[in-house]
């Protein structure tokens, strides 16, 4: 409702918590206002929930349509926190290794975490999508075998922005050279503090502005998949042309550690039915210069409970790394056309 003496509108009431106070102090005295990059909604949303997001700068709003053509190279910075507010962690920070005894044949290494992406022509780009609370950040940690992403049980999305975890890995057990790696952790669908359509638009805009080539899309679900969540996922699958690029998609039914083998497969089957996914789609990967074959599943159940011994999760960890980091010889990356904002 409008205030009695002003034209201001109260969008949402929220508690003055310690986190809110900390964010207020962080932005107090900030300068360099920008309609596109640093407007008043960015500031208010950041203070309220920690997300540097403006609804006027996503989708096809009048403001977005008016300023986007003039942004040029700055387009990738839309809805990205200013440098002063970004969490920047690199390999100098002592991230704990989760399973020191895990023999990682692909030599996946973590380098740094940031909120901006520096495009590299030969980098492998992987984006992780899924509902809030499905365990996307846990999957990031398992990919690097390090506690690089914050994991928290909450109905609110832990990932407030598009977080990028950079590293490197060997694309084949037969190779010695490593390639750059970007794992992009997205804001959760159906976040309790951000409009679901805004989340979809934010993720799409980030991909269009930052990622020319997308190599794998990881869809993470868990527990009951709500109708709004399924609709958001299917929207992305349509946009990224899943029907033409099935080897580029991995579907994980996460938090399956309490289920027996039959229940795990039933959960994956139901997830695939709900999303319109080919449950039986898999591949055999042949290492270059070797006759050794490796089976790859693209829809699988996984479970990584905190503090679980390696013996309990090693099989799921191996399947996860195969599905994400091994590529069929005929797999083509998803090329993003930034001019028409479409997937080729």
C-alpha atoms as a PDB file:
ATOM      1  CA  UNK A   1       0.000   0.000   0.000  1.00  0.00           C
ATOM      2  CA  UNK A   2       1.114   3.576  -0.614  1.00  0.00           C
ATOM      3  CA  UNK A   3       2.405   5.561   2.332  1.00  0.00           C
ATOM      4  CA  UNK A   4       0.205   8.398   3.659  1.00  0.00           C
ATOM      5  CA  UNK A   5       2.621  11.217   2.691  1.00  0.00           C
ATOM      6  CA  UNK A   6       4.669   9.764  -0.174  1.00  0.00           C
ATOM      7  CA  UNK A   7       4.297   7.744  -3.335  1.00  0.00           C
ATOM      8  CA  UNK A   8       6.530   4.981  -1.990  1.00  0.00           C
ATOM      9  CA  UNK A   9       5.159   1.458  -2.110  1.00  0.00           C
ATOM     10  CA  UNK A  10       5.858  -1.193   0.538  1.00  0.00           C
ATOM     11  CA  UNK A  11       6.711  -4.323  -1.444  1.00  0.00           C
ATOM     12  CA  UNK A  12       7.615  -6.600   1.459  1.00  0.00           C
ATOM     13  CA  UNK A  13       8.267  -6.378   5.189  1.00  0.00           C
ATOM     14  CA  UNK A  14      11.307  -8.215   6.547  1.00  0.00           C
ATOM     15  CA  UNK A  15      13.120  -8.539   9.852  1.00  0.00           C
ATOM     16  CA  UNK A  16      16.186  -6.473  10.732  1.00  0.00           C
ATOM     17  CA  UNK A  17      18.504  -9.432  11.265  1.00  0.00           C
ATOM     18  CA  UNK A  18      22.264  -9.346  11.797  1.00  0.00           C
ATOM     19  CA  UNK A  19      22.732 -10.284   8.121  1.00  0.00           C
ATOM     20  CA  UNK A  20      20.542  -7.370   7.028  1.00  0.00           C
ATOM     21  CA  UNK A  21      22.547  -4.998   9.247  1.00  0.00           C
ATOM     22  CA  UNK A  22      25.797  -6.324   7.787  1.00  0.00           C
ATOM     23  CA  UNK A  23      24.547  -5.752   4.230  1.00  0.00           C
ATOM     24  CA  UNK A  24      23.392  -2.243   5.146  1.00  0.00           C
ATOM     25  CA  UNK A  25      26.892  -1.403   6.355  1.00  0.00           C
ATOM     26  CA  UNK A  26      28.392  -2.880   3.176  1.00  0.00           C
ATOM     27  CA  UNK A  27      26.439  -0.561   0.865  1.00  0.00           C
ATOM     28  CA  UNK A  28      26.323   2.530   3.094  1.00  0.00           C
ATOM     29  CA  UNK A  29      27.794   5.458   1.171  1.00  0.00           C
ATOM     30  CA  UNK A  30      27.899   3.610  -2.146  1.00  0.00           C
ATOM     31  CA  UNK A  31      28.162   5.771  -5.284  1.00  0.00           C
ATOM     32  CA  UNK A  32      28.042   5.366  -9.087  1.00  0.00           C
ATOM     33  CA  UNK A  33      24.303   4.909  -9.624  1.00  0.00           C
ATOM     34  CA  UNK A  34      23.394   3.122 -12.872  1.00  0.00           C
ATOM     35  CA  UNK A  35      19.931   2.275 -14.186  1.00  0.00           C
ATOM     36  CA  UNK A  36      21.257  -0.956 -15.663  1.00  0.00           C
ATOM     37  CA  UNK A  37      23.938  -2.112 -13.223  1.00  0.00           C
ATOM     38  CA  UNK A  38      23.444  -0.323  -9.892  1.00  0.00           C
ATOM     39  CA  UNK A  39      19.883   0.921  -9.547  1.00  0.00           C
ATOM     40  CA  UNK A  40      17.818   1.376  -6.401  1.00  0.00           C
ATOM     41  CA  UNK A  41      16.132  -2.038  -6.758  1.00  0.00           C
ATOM     42  CA  UNK A  42      19.525  -3.756  -6.863  1.00  0.00           C
ATOM     43  CA  UNK A  43      20.414  -2.018  -3.615  1.00  0.00           C
ATOM     44  CA  UNK A  44      17.083  -2.720  -1.879  1.00  0.00           C
ATOM     45  CA  UNK A  45      17.013  -6.381  -2.910  1.00  0.00           C
ATOM     46  CA  UNK A  46      20.592  -6.864  -1.750  1.00  0.00           C
ATOM     47  CA  UNK A  47      19.836  -5.386   1.661  1.00  0.00           C
ATOM     48  CA  UNK A  48      16.683  -7.475   2.008  1.00  0.00           C
ATOM     49  CA  UNK A  49      17.895 -10.916   0.930  1.00  0.00           C
ATOM     50  CA  UNK A  50      21.468 -10.677  -0.341  1.00  0.00           C
ATOM     51  CA  UNK A  51      20.639 -10.891  -4.073  1.00  0.00           C
ATOM     52  CA  UNK A  52      21.929  -8.141  -6.376  1.00  0.00           C
ATOM     53  CA  UNK A  53      18.964  -8.451  -8.715  1.00  0.00           C
ATOM     54  CA  UNK A  54      16.655  -5.967 -10.392  1.00  0.00           C
ATOM     55  CA  UNK A  55      13.428  -7.287 -11.892  1.00  0.00           C
ATOM     56  CA  UNK A  56      13.507  -4.364 -14.314  1.00  0.00           C
ATOM     57  CA  UNK A  57      16.735  -5.695 -15.801  1.00  0.00           C
ATOM     58  CA  UNK A  58      15.565  -9.194 -16.753  1.00  0.00           C
ATOM     59  CA  UNK A  59      13.305 -10.451 -19.508  1.00  0.00           C
ATOM     60  CA  UNK A  60      11.647  -8.004 -21.859  1.00  0.00           C
ATOM     61  CA  UNK A  61      10.823  -5.125 -19.509  1.00  0.00           C
ATOM     62  CA  UNK A  62      10.782  -1.597 -21.007  1.00  0.00           C
ATOM     63  CA  UNK A  63      13.961  -0.598 -19.133  1.00  0.00           C
ATOM     64  CA  UNK A  64      15.804  -3.732 -20.207  1.00  0.00           C
ATOM     65  CA  UNK A  65      14.768  -3.262 -23.826  1.00  0.00           C
ATOM     66  CA  UNK A  66      15.807   0.393 -23.739  1.00  0.00           C
ATOM     67  CA  UNK A  67      19.299   0.021 -22.256  1.00  0.00           C
ATOM     68  CA  UNK A  68      20.411  -3.448 -23.448  1.00  0.00           C
ATOM     69  CA  UNK A  69      21.544  -2.303 -26.942  1.00  0.00           C
ATOM     70  CA  UNK A  70      23.917   0.247 -25.407  1.00  0.00           C
ATOM     71  CA  UNK A  71      25.464  -2.072 -22.809  1.00  0.00           C
ATOM     72  CA  UNK A  72      27.761  -3.822 -25.288  1.00  0.00           C
ATOM     73  CA  UNK A  73      30.530  -5.619 -23.336  1.00  0.00           C
ATOM     74  CA  UNK A  74      29.002  -4.572 -20.007  1.00  0.00           C
ATOM     75  CA  UNK A  75      25.945  -6.747 -20.610  1.00  0.00           C
ATOM     76  CA  UNK A  76      27.569  -9.629 -18.726  1.00  0.00           C
ATOM     77  CA  UNK A  77      27.629  -7.483 -15.581  1.00  0.00           C
ATOM     78  CA  UNK A  78      23.843  -7.054 -15.406  1.00  0.00           C
ATOM     79  CA  UNK A  79      22.488  -8.434 -12.105  1.00  0.00           C
ATOM     80  CA  UNK A  80      26.048  -9.234 -11.018  1.00  0.00           C
ATOM     81  CA  UNK A  81      27.251  -7.805  -7.689  1.00  0.00           C
ATOM     82  CA  UNK A  82      29.800  -4.976  -7.782  1.00  0.00           C
ATOM     83  CA  UNK A  83      33.401  -6.060  -7.221  1.00  0.00           C
ATOM     84  CA  UNK A  84      33.262  -4.807  -3.632  1.00  0.00           C
ATOM     85  CA  UNK A  85      30.425  -7.215  -2.780  1.00  0.00           C
ATOM     86  CA  UNK A  86      31.632 -10.278  -4.637  1.00  0.00           C
ATOM     87  CA  UNK A  87      32.857 -13.310  -2.746  1.00  0.00           C
ATOM     88  CA  UNK A  88      36.209 -14.162  -4.280  1.00  0.00           C
ATOM     89  CA  UNK A  89      37.882 -17.314  -3.047  1.00  0.00           C
ATOM     90  CA  UNK A  90      40.782 -19.082  -4.702  1.00  0.00           C
ATOM     91  CA  UNK A  91      43.080 -22.002  -4.156  1.00  0.00           C
ATOM     92  CA  UNK A  92      45.075 -19.967  -1.634  1.00  0.00           C
ATOM     93  CA  UNK A  93      42.080 -20.306   0.677  1.00  0.00           C
ATOM     94  CA  UNK A  94      42.266 -23.609   2.580  1.00  0.00           C
ATOM     95  CA  UNK A  95      39.139 -25.363   1.286  1.00  0.00           C
ATOM     96  CA  UNK A  96      38.767 -28.749   2.949  1.00  0.00           C
ATOM     97  CA  UNK A  97      39.028 -31.828   0.746  1.00  0.00           C
ATOM     98  CA  UNK A  98      35.966 -34.006   1.326  1.00  0.00           C
ATOM     99  CA  UNK A  99      37.471 -37.397   0.463  1.00  0.00           C
ATOM    100  CA  UNK A 100      41.290 -37.291   0.396  1.00  0.00           C
ATOM    101  CA  UNK A 101      41.390 -41.010  -0.370  1.00  0.00           C
ATOM    102  CA  UNK A 102      39.181 -40.694  -3.494  1.00  0.00           C
ATOM    103  CA  UNK A 103      41.249 -41.517  -6.570  1.00  0.00           C
ATOM    104  CA  UNK A 104      40.148 -38.934  -9.119  1.00  0.00           C
ATOM    105  CA  UNK A 105      41.313 -40.309 -12.470  1.00  0.00           C
ATOM    106  CA  UNK A 106      40.224 -37.098 -14.249  1.00  0.00           C
ATOM    107  CA  UNK A 107      42.309 -34.879 -11.937  1.00  0.00           C
ATOM    108  CA  UNK A 108      39.553 -32.322 -11.310  1.00  0.00           C
ATOM    109  CA  UNK A 109      41.053 -29.295  -9.545  1.00  0.00           C
ATOM    110  CA  UNK A 110      39.450 -26.197  -8.040  1.00  0.00           C
ATOM    111  CA  UNK A 111      41.020 -22.767  -8.688  1.00  0.00           C
ATOM    112  CA  UNK A 112      38.635 -20.030  -7.585  1.00  0.00           C
ATOM    113  CA  UNK A 113      35.046 -18.957  -6.970  1.00  0.00           C
ATOM    114  CA  UNK A 114      33.658 -15.690  -8.336  1.00  0.00           C
ATOM    115  CA  UNK A 115      30.467 -14.047  -9.577  1.00  0.00           C
ATOM    116  CA  UNK A 116      31.789 -13.129 -13.014  1.00  0.00           C
ATOM    117  CA  UNK A 117      32.943 -15.331 -15.860  1.00  0.00           C
ATOM    118  CA  UNK A 118      36.092 -14.697 -17.856  1.00  0.00           C
ATOM    119  CA  UNK A 119      35.445 -16.432 -21.197  1.00  0.00           C
ATOM    120  CA  UNK A 120      38.171 -18.806 -22.367  1.00  0.00           C
ATOM    121  CA  UNK A 121      37.952 -20.315 -25.879  1.00  0.00           C
ATOM    122  CA  UNK A 122      38.870 -23.873 -24.813  1.00  0.00           C
ATOM    123  CA  UNK A 123      37.087 -23.941 -21.462  1.00  0.00           C
ATOM    124  CA  UNK A 124      34.475 -26.579 -20.654  1.00  0.00           C
ATOM    125  CA  UNK A 125      31.345 -24.789 -19.382  1.00  0.00           C
ATOM    126  CA  UNK A 126      28.879 -26.636 -17.155  1.00  0.00           C
ATOM    127  CA  UNK A 127      25.702 -25.109 -15.729  1.00  0.00           C
ATOM    128  CA  UNK A 128      23.768 -26.585 -12.792  1.00  0.00           C
ATOM    129  CA  UNK A 129      20.011 -25.927 -12.648  1.00  0.00           C
ATOM    130  CA  UNK A 130      17.326 -27.033 -10.245  1.00  0.00           C
ATOM    131  CA  UNK A 131      14.835 -26.086  -7.542  1.00  0.00           C
ATOM    132  CA  UNK A 132      15.847 -24.431  -4.298  1.00  0.00           C
ATOM    133  CA  UNK A 133      16.828 -27.087  -1.757  1.00  0.00           C
ATOM    134  CA  UNK A 134      17.628 -29.803  -4.296  1.00  0.00           C
ATOM    135  CA  UNK A 135      21.306 -29.841  -3.362  1.00  0.00           C
ATOM    136  CA  UNK A 136      22.944 -28.085  -6.333  1.00  0.00           C
ATOM    137  CA  UNK A 137      25.732 -26.667  -4.176  1.00  0.00           C
ATOM    138  CA  UNK A 138      26.426 -30.135  -2.745  1.00  0.00           C
ATOM    139  CA  UNK A 139      26.873 -31.395  -6.295  1.00  0.00           C
ATOM    140  CA  UNK A 140      29.391 -28.588  -6.933  1.00  0.00           C
ATOM    141  CA  UNK A 141      31.364 -29.747  -3.903  1.00  0.00           C
ATOM    142  CA  UNK A 142      31.311 -33.355  -5.078  1.00  0.00           C
ATOM    143  CA  UNK A 143      32.498 -32.405  -8.565  1.00  0.00           C
ATOM    144  CA  UNK A 144      35.597 -30.745  -7.088  1.00  0.00           C
ATOM    145  CA  UNK A 145      35.785 -33.035  -4.017  1.00  0.00           C
ATOM    146  CA  UNK A 146      36.174 -29.876  -1.934  1.00  0.00           C
ATOM    147  CA  UNK A 147      33.901 -27.779   0.269  1.00  0.00           C
ATOM    148  CA  UNK A 148      33.914 -24.786  -2.076  1.00  0.00           C
ATOM    149  CA  UNK A 149      30.157 -24.049  -2.061  1.00  0.00           C
ATOM    150  CA  UNK A 150      28.045 -23.166   0.958  1.00  0.00           C
ATOM    151  CA  UNK A 151      25.558 -25.923   1.796  1.00  0.00           C
ATOM    152  CA  UNK A 152      22.661 -25.121   4.088  1.00  0.00           C
ATOM    153  CA  UNK A 153      19.278 -26.701   4.842  1.00  0.00           C
ATOM    154  CA  UNK A 154      16.858 -23.861   4.100  1.00  0.00           C
ATOM    155  CA  UNK A 155      13.708 -23.097   2.079  1.00  0.00           C
ATOM    156  CA  UNK A 156      15.591 -20.067   0.768  1.00  0.00           C
ATOM    157  CA  UNK A 157      18.170 -20.369  -1.977  1.00  0.00           C
ATOM    158  CA  UNK A 158      21.722 -20.459  -0.622  1.00  0.00           C
ATOM    159  CA  UNK A 159      23.017 -19.335  -4.027  1.00  0.00           C
ATOM    160  CA  UNK A 160      21.956 -15.681  -4.285  1.00  0.00           C
ATOM    161  CA  UNK A 161      23.687 -14.977  -7.586  1.00  0.00           C
ATOM    162  CA  UNK A 162      25.131 -16.950 -10.461  1.00  0.00           C
ATOM    163  CA  UNK A 163      28.258 -18.344  -8.808  1.00  0.00           C
ATOM    164  CA  UNK A 164      31.123 -19.557 -10.994  1.00  0.00           C
ATOM    165  CA  UNK A 165      33.595 -22.157  -9.769  1.00  0.00           C
ATOM    166  CA  UNK A 166      36.628 -22.317 -12.028  1.00  0.00           C
ATOM    167  CA  UNK A 167      39.137 -25.110 -12.213  1.00  0.00           C
ATOM    168  CA  UNK A 168      40.710 -27.571 -14.614  1.00  0.00           C
ATOM    169  CA  UNK A 169      40.596 -31.267 -15.379  1.00  0.00           C
ATOM    170  CA  UNK A 170      41.858 -33.933 -17.766  1.00  0.00           C
ATOM    171  CA  UNK A 171      39.132 -34.796 -20.324  1.00  0.00           C
ATOM    172  CA  UNK A 172      40.566 -38.302 -20.680  1.00  0.00           C
ATOM    173  CA  UNK A 173      42.398 -40.687 -18.399  1.00  0.00           C
ATOM    174  CA  UNK A 174      44.825 -41.194 -21.303  1.00  0.00           C
ATOM    175  CA  UNK A 175      45.779 -37.509 -21.571  1.00  0.00           C
ATOM    176  CA  UNK A 176      48.240 -35.450 -19.573  1.00  0.00           C
ATOM    177  CA  UNK A 177      47.100 -31.943 -20.554  1.00  0.00           C
ATOM    178  CA  UNK A 178      44.294 -30.291 -18.603  1.00  0.00           C
ATOM    179  CA  UNK A 179      41.549 -27.983 -19.902  1.00  0.00           C
ATOM    180  CA  UNK A 180      39.950 -24.996 -18.135  1.00  0.00           C
ATOM    181  CA  UNK A 181      36.666 -25.713 -16.374  1.00  0.00           C
ATOM    182  CA  UNK A 182      33.773 -23.419 -15.392  1.00  0.00           C
ATOM    183  CA  UNK A 183      30.997 -24.835 -13.204  1.00  0.00           C
ATOM    184  CA  UNK A 184      28.110 -22.352 -12.982  1.00  0.00           C
ATOM    185  CA  UNK A 185      25.798 -22.733  -9.977  1.00  0.00           C
ATOM    186  CA  UNK A 186      22.491 -20.981 -10.625  1.00  0.00           C
ATOM    187  CA  UNK A 187      19.921 -19.371  -8.364  1.00  0.00           C
ATOM    188  CA  UNK A 188      17.368 -21.997  -7.309  1.00  0.00           C
ATOM    189  CA  UNK A 189      14.000 -22.134  -9.069  1.00  0.00           C
ATOM    190  CA  UNK A 190      11.029 -21.167  -6.907  1.00  0.00           C
ATOM    191  CA  UNK A 191      13.147 -19.304  -4.381  1.00  0.00           C
ATOM    192  CA  UNK A 192      10.909 -17.987  -1.620  1.00  0.00           C
ATOM    193  CA  UNK A 193      12.308 -14.440  -2.029  1.00  0.00           C
ATOM    194  CA  UNK A 194      12.573 -14.100  -5.816  1.00  0.00           C
ATOM    195  CA  UNK A 195       9.744 -14.447  -8.316  1.00  0.00           C
ATOM    196  CA  UNK A 196      10.046 -17.807 -10.174  1.00  0.00           C
ATOM    197  CA  UNK A 197       9.848 -16.218 -13.622  1.00  0.00           C
ATOM    198  CA  UNK A 198      12.516 -13.718 -12.615  1.00  0.00           C
ATOM    199  CA  UNK A 199      14.831 -16.588 -11.677  1.00  0.00           C
ATOM    200  CA  UNK A 200      14.289 -18.210 -15.079  1.00  0.00           C
ATOM    201  CA  UNK A 201      14.947 -14.903 -16.853  1.00  0.00           C
ATOM    202  CA  UNK A 202      18.066 -14.209 -14.743  1.00  0.00           C
ATOM    203  CA  UNK A 203      19.623 -17.569 -15.562  1.00  0.00           C
ATOM    204  CA  UNK A 204      18.804 -17.289 -19.271  1.00  0.00           C
ATOM    205  CA  UNK A 205      20.188 -13.761 -19.456  1.00  0.00           C
ATOM    206  CA  UNK A 206      23.405 -14.808 -17.718  1.00  0.00           C
ATOM    207  CA  UNK A 207      23.947 -17.678 -20.148  1.00  0.00           C
ATOM    208  CA  UNK A 208      23.224 -15.478 -23.150  1.00  0.00           C
ATOM    209  CA  UNK A 209      25.570 -12.742 -21.954  1.00  0.00           C
ATOM    210  CA  UNK A 210      28.455 -14.895 -20.714  1.00  0.00           C
ATOM    211  CA  UNK A 211      28.574 -18.368 -22.239  1.00  0.00           C
ATOM    212  CA  UNK A 212      29.214 -18.794 -25.954  1.00  0.00           C
ATOM    213  CA  UNK A 213      29.583 -22.576 -25.687  1.00  0.00           C
ATOM    214  CA  UNK A 214      27.750 -24.709 -23.134  1.00  0.00           C
ATOM    215  CA  UNK A 215      29.015 -28.287 -22.779  1.00  0.00           C
ATOM    216  CA  UNK A 216      26.850 -29.864 -20.064  1.00  0.00           C
ATOM    217  CA  UNK A 217      23.580 -28.953 -18.370  1.00  0.00           C
ATOM    218  CA  UNK A 218      23.044 -30.652 -15.015  1.00  0.00           C
ATOM    219  CA  UNK A 219      19.447 -30.753 -13.758  1.00  0.00           C
ATOM    220  CA  UNK A 220      19.249 -31.523 -10.031  1.00  0.00           C
ATOM    221  CA  UNK A 221      16.000 -32.598  -8.347  1.00  0.00           C
ATOM    222  CA  UNK A 222      15.177 -34.204  -5.020  1.00  0.00           C
ATOM    223  CA  UNK A 223      12.186 -35.329  -2.998  1.00  0.00           C
ATOM    224  CA  UNK A 224       8.832 -34.185  -4.378  1.00  0.00           C
ATOM    225  CA  UNK A 225       9.045 -32.157  -7.588  1.00  0.00           C
ATOM    226  CA  UNK A 226       6.377 -29.458  -7.539  1.00  0.00           C
ATOM    227  CA  UNK A 227       4.479 -28.468 -10.671  1.00  0.00           C
ATOM    228  CA  UNK A 228       6.062 -24.987 -10.784  1.00  0.00           C
ATOM    229  CA  UNK A 229       9.534 -26.521 -10.481  1.00  0.00           C
ATOM    230  CA  UNK A 230       8.875 -29.014 -13.267  1.00  0.00           C
ATOM    231  CA  UNK A 231       7.531 -26.240 -15.473  1.00  0.00           C
ATOM    232  CA  UNK A 232      10.653 -24.106 -14.924  1.00  0.00           C
ATOM    233  CA  UNK A 233      12.939 -27.060 -15.734  1.00  0.00           C
ATOM    234  CA  UNK A 234      10.994 -27.972 -18.875  1.00  0.00           C
ATOM    235  CA  UNK A 235      11.140 -24.334 -19.960  1.00  0.00           C
ATOM    236  CA  UNK A 236      14.932 -24.528 -19.853  1.00  0.00           C
ATOM    237  CA  UNK A 237      14.987 -27.892 -21.596  1.00  0.00           C
ATOM    238  CA  UNK A 238      12.916 -26.456 -24.441  1.00  0.00           C
ATOM    239  CA  UNK A 239      15.050 -23.306 -24.627  1.00  0.00           C
ATOM    240  CA  UNK A 240      18.275 -25.364 -24.687  1.00  0.00           C
ATOM    241  CA  UNK A 241      16.742 -27.835 -27.199  1.00  0.00           C
ATOM    242  CA  UNK A 242      17.064 -30.991 -25.123  1.00  0.00           C
ATOM    243  CA  UNK A 243      15.504 -33.099 -27.885  1.00  0.00           C
ATOM    244  CA  UNK A 244      18.468 -32.288 -30.182  1.00  0.00           C
ATOM    245  CA  UNK A 245      21.219 -32.347 -27.540  1.00  0.00           C
ATOM    246  CA  UNK A 246      20.468 -35.229 -25.159  1.00  0.00           C
ATOM    247  CA  UNK A 247      24.162 -36.097 -24.536  1.00  0.00           C
ATOM    248  CA  UNK A 248      24.643 -32.564 -23.146  1.00  0.00           C
ATOM    249  CA  UNK A 249      22.115 -33.109 -20.331  1.00  0.00           C
ATOM    250  CA  UNK A 250      22.544 -34.928 -17.019  1.00  0.00           C
ATOM    251  CA  UNK A 251      19.552 -35.479 -14.721  1.00  0.00           C
ATOM    252  CA  UNK A 252      20.264 -36.181 -11.053  1.00  0.00           C
ATOM    253  CA  UNK A 253      17.758 -37.333  -8.468  1.00  0.00           C
ATOM    254  CA  UNK A 254      19.694 -36.129  -5.425  1.00  0.00           C
ATOM    255  CA  UNK A 255      19.442 -36.985  -1.719  1.00  0.00           C
ATOM    256  CA  UNK A 256      18.643 -40.617  -2.538  1.00  0.00           C
ATOM    257  CA  UNK A 257      20.842 -42.048   0.214  1.00  0.00           C
ATOM    258  CA  UNK A 258      17.864 -43.250   2.296  1.00  0.00           C
ATOM    259  CA  UNK A 259      16.332 -45.231  -0.595  1.00  0.00           C
ATOM    260  CA  UNK A 260      17.072 -48.827  -1.505  1.00  0.00           C
ATOM    261  CA  UNK A 261      18.126 -49.726  -5.062  1.00  0.00           C
ATOM    262  CA  UNK A 262      14.576 -50.316  -6.310  1.00  0.00           C
ATOM    263  CA  UNK A 263      13.306 -47.075  -4.761  1.00  0.00           C
ATOM    264  CA  UNK A 264      16.219 -45.116  -6.246  1.00  0.00           C
ATOM    265  CA  UNK A 265      15.442 -46.321  -9.752  1.00  0.00           C
ATOM    266  CA  UNK A 266      11.728 -45.678  -9.248  1.00  0.00           C
ATOM    267  CA  UNK A 267      12.486 -42.099  -8.161  1.00  0.00           C
ATOM    268  CA  UNK A 268      14.637 -41.497 -11.264  1.00  0.00           C
ATOM    269  CA  UNK A 269      11.966 -43.011 -13.514  1.00  0.00           C
ATOM    270  CA  UNK A 270       9.272 -40.767 -12.018  1.00  0.00           C
ATOM    271  CA  UNK A 271      11.512 -37.695 -12.377  1.00  0.00           C
ATOM    272  CA  UNK A 272      12.100 -38.527 -16.040  1.00  0.00           C
ATOM    273  CA  UNK A 273       8.388 -39.066 -16.686  1.00  0.00           C
ATOM    274  CA  UNK A 274       7.546 -35.744 -15.082  1.00  0.00           C
ATOM    275  CA  UNK A 275      10.159 -33.829 -17.080  1.00  0.00           C
ATOM    276  CA  UNK A 276       9.734 -35.677 -20.373  1.00  0.00           C
ATOM    277  CA  UNK A 277      13.242 -37.153 -20.219  1.00  0.00           C
ATOM    278  CA  UNK A 278      14.479 -40.311 -21.927  1.00  0.00           C
ATOM    279  CA  UNK A 279      15.125 -42.489 -18.851  1.00  0.00           C
ATOM    280  CA  UNK A 280      17.018 -45.175 -20.769  1.00  0.00           C
ATOM    281  CA  UNK A 281      19.375 -42.836 -22.618  1.00  0.00           C
ATOM    282  CA  UNK A 282      23.001 -43.769 -21.919  1.00  0.00           C
ATOM    283  CA  UNK A 283      26.296 -44.155 -23.737  1.00  0.00           C
ATOM    284  CA  UNK A 284      29.519 -46.114 -23.883  1.00  0.00           C
ATOM    285  CA  UNK A 285      32.618 -43.924 -23.761  1.00  0.00           C
ATOM    286  CA  UNK A 286      35.811 -45.109 -25.431  1.00  0.00           C
ATOM    287  CA  UNK A 287      39.015 -43.422 -24.269  1.00  0.00           C
ATOM    288  CA  UNK A 288      41.208 -42.105 -27.127  1.00  0.00           C
ATOM    289  CA  UNK A 289      43.878 -44.641 -28.020  1.00  0.00           C
ATOM    290  CA  UNK A 290      42.359 -47.282 -25.745  1.00  0.00           C
ATOM    291  CA  UNK A 291      40.000 -50.204 -26.054  1.00  0.00           C
ATOM    292  CA  UNK A 292      38.669 -49.662 -22.526  1.00  0.00           C
ATOM    293  CA  UNK A 293      34.937 -48.874 -22.478  1.00  0.00           C
ATOM    294  CA  UNK A 294      33.154 -46.879 -19.794  1.00  0.00           C
ATOM    295  CA  UNK A 295      29.367 -46.848 -19.362  1.00  0.00           C
ATOM    296  CA  UNK A 296      27.743 -43.443 -18.844  1.00  0.00           C
ATOM    297  CA  UNK A 297      24.254 -42.882 -17.452  1.00  0.00           C
ATOM    298  CA  UNK A 298      22.604 -39.524 -18.055  1.00  0.00           C
ATOM    299  CA  UNK A 299      19.721 -39.954 -15.570  1.00  0.00           C
ATOM    300  CA  UNK A 300      20.780 -41.340 -12.220  1.00  0.00           C
ATOM    301  CA  UNK A 301      20.101 -41.302  -8.472  1.00  0.00           C
ATOM    302  CA  UNK A 302      22.811 -39.985  -6.153  1.00  0.00           C
ATOM    303  CA  UNK A 303      23.145 -39.386  -2.440  1.00  0.00           C
ATOM    304  CA  UNK A 304      25.913 -37.617  -0.560  1.00  0.00           C
ATOM    305  CA  UNK A 305      24.960 -37.275   3.117  1.00  0.00           C
ATOM    306  CA  UNK A 306      27.240 -35.063   5.228  1.00  0.00           C
ATOM    307  CA  UNK A 307      30.189 -36.858   6.841  1.00  0.00           C
ATOM    308  CA  UNK A 308      29.374 -40.136   5.080  1.00  0.00           C
ATOM    309  CA  UNK A 309      32.381 -42.450   4.625  1.00  0.00           C
ATOM    310  CA  UNK A 310      33.769 -42.764   1.110  1.00  0.00           C
ATOM    311  CA  UNK A 311      32.690 -46.400   0.890  1.00  0.00           C
ATOM    312  CA  UNK A 312      29.050 -45.264   1.198  1.00  0.00           C
ATOM    313  CA  UNK A 313      29.175 -42.702  -1.622  1.00  0.00           C
ATOM    314  CA  UNK A 314      32.050 -43.805  -3.880  1.00  0.00           C
ATOM    315  CA  UNK A 315      29.848 -45.548  -6.456  1.00  0.00           C
ATOM    316  CA  UNK A 316      27.606 -42.472  -6.807  1.00  0.00           C
ATOM    317  CA  UNK A 317      30.670 -40.207  -6.967  1.00  0.00           C
ATOM    318  CA  UNK A 318      32.142 -42.244  -9.819  1.00  0.00           C
ATOM    319  CA  UNK A 319      28.849 -42.204 -11.759  1.00  0.00           C
ATOM    320  CA  UNK A 320      28.535 -38.438 -11.234  1.00  0.00           C
ATOM    321  CA  UNK A 321      32.032 -37.713 -12.546  1.00  0.00           C
ATOM    322  CA  UNK A 322      31.518 -39.945 -15.569  1.00  0.00           C
ATOM    323  CA  UNK A 323      28.214 -38.325 -16.509  1.00  0.00           C
ATOM    324  CA  UNK A 324      29.534 -34.780 -16.141  1.00  0.00           C
ATOM    325  CA  UNK A 325      33.143 -34.923 -17.331  1.00  0.00           C
ATOM    326  CA  UNK A 326      33.179 -37.592 -20.059  1.00  0.00           C
ATOM    327  CA  UNK A 327      31.882 -36.705 -23.515  1.00  0.00           C
ATOM    328  CA  UNK A 328      30.791 -38.968 -26.362  1.00  0.00           C
ATOM    329  CA  UNK A 329      32.836 -38.521 -29.529  1.00  0.00           C
ATOM    330  CA  UNK A 330      29.758 -37.206 -31.382  1.00  0.00           C
ATOM    331  CA  UNK A 331      28.724 -34.743 -28.661  1.00  0.00           C
ATOM    332  CA  UNK A 332      28.550 -31.142 -29.842  1.00  0.00           C
ATOM    333  CA  UNK A 333      28.473 -28.209 -27.460  1.00  0.00           C
ATOM    334  CA  UNK A 334      25.457 -25.928 -27.243  1.00  0.00           C
ATOM    335  CA  UNK A 335      26.395 -22.748 -29.081  1.00  0.00           C
ATOM    336  CA  UNK A 336      24.634 -19.665 -27.757  1.00  0.00           C
ATOM    337  CA  UNK A 337      23.724 -17.046 -30.342  1.00  0.00           C
ATOM    338  CA  UNK A 338      24.004 -13.776 -28.401  1.00  0.00           C
ATOM    339  CA  UNK A 339      22.502 -11.711 -31.207  1.00  0.00           C
ATOM    340  CA  UNK A 340      19.196 -13.548 -31.376  1.00  0.00           C
ATOM    341  CA  UNK A 341      19.465 -14.994 -27.864  1.00  0.00           C
ATOM    342  CA  UNK A 342      18.839 -18.547 -29.056  1.00  0.00           C
ATOM    343  CA  UNK A 343      20.515 -21.914 -28.803  1.00  0.00           C
ATOM    344  CA  UNK A 344      21.746 -23.179 -32.168  1.00  0.00           C
END
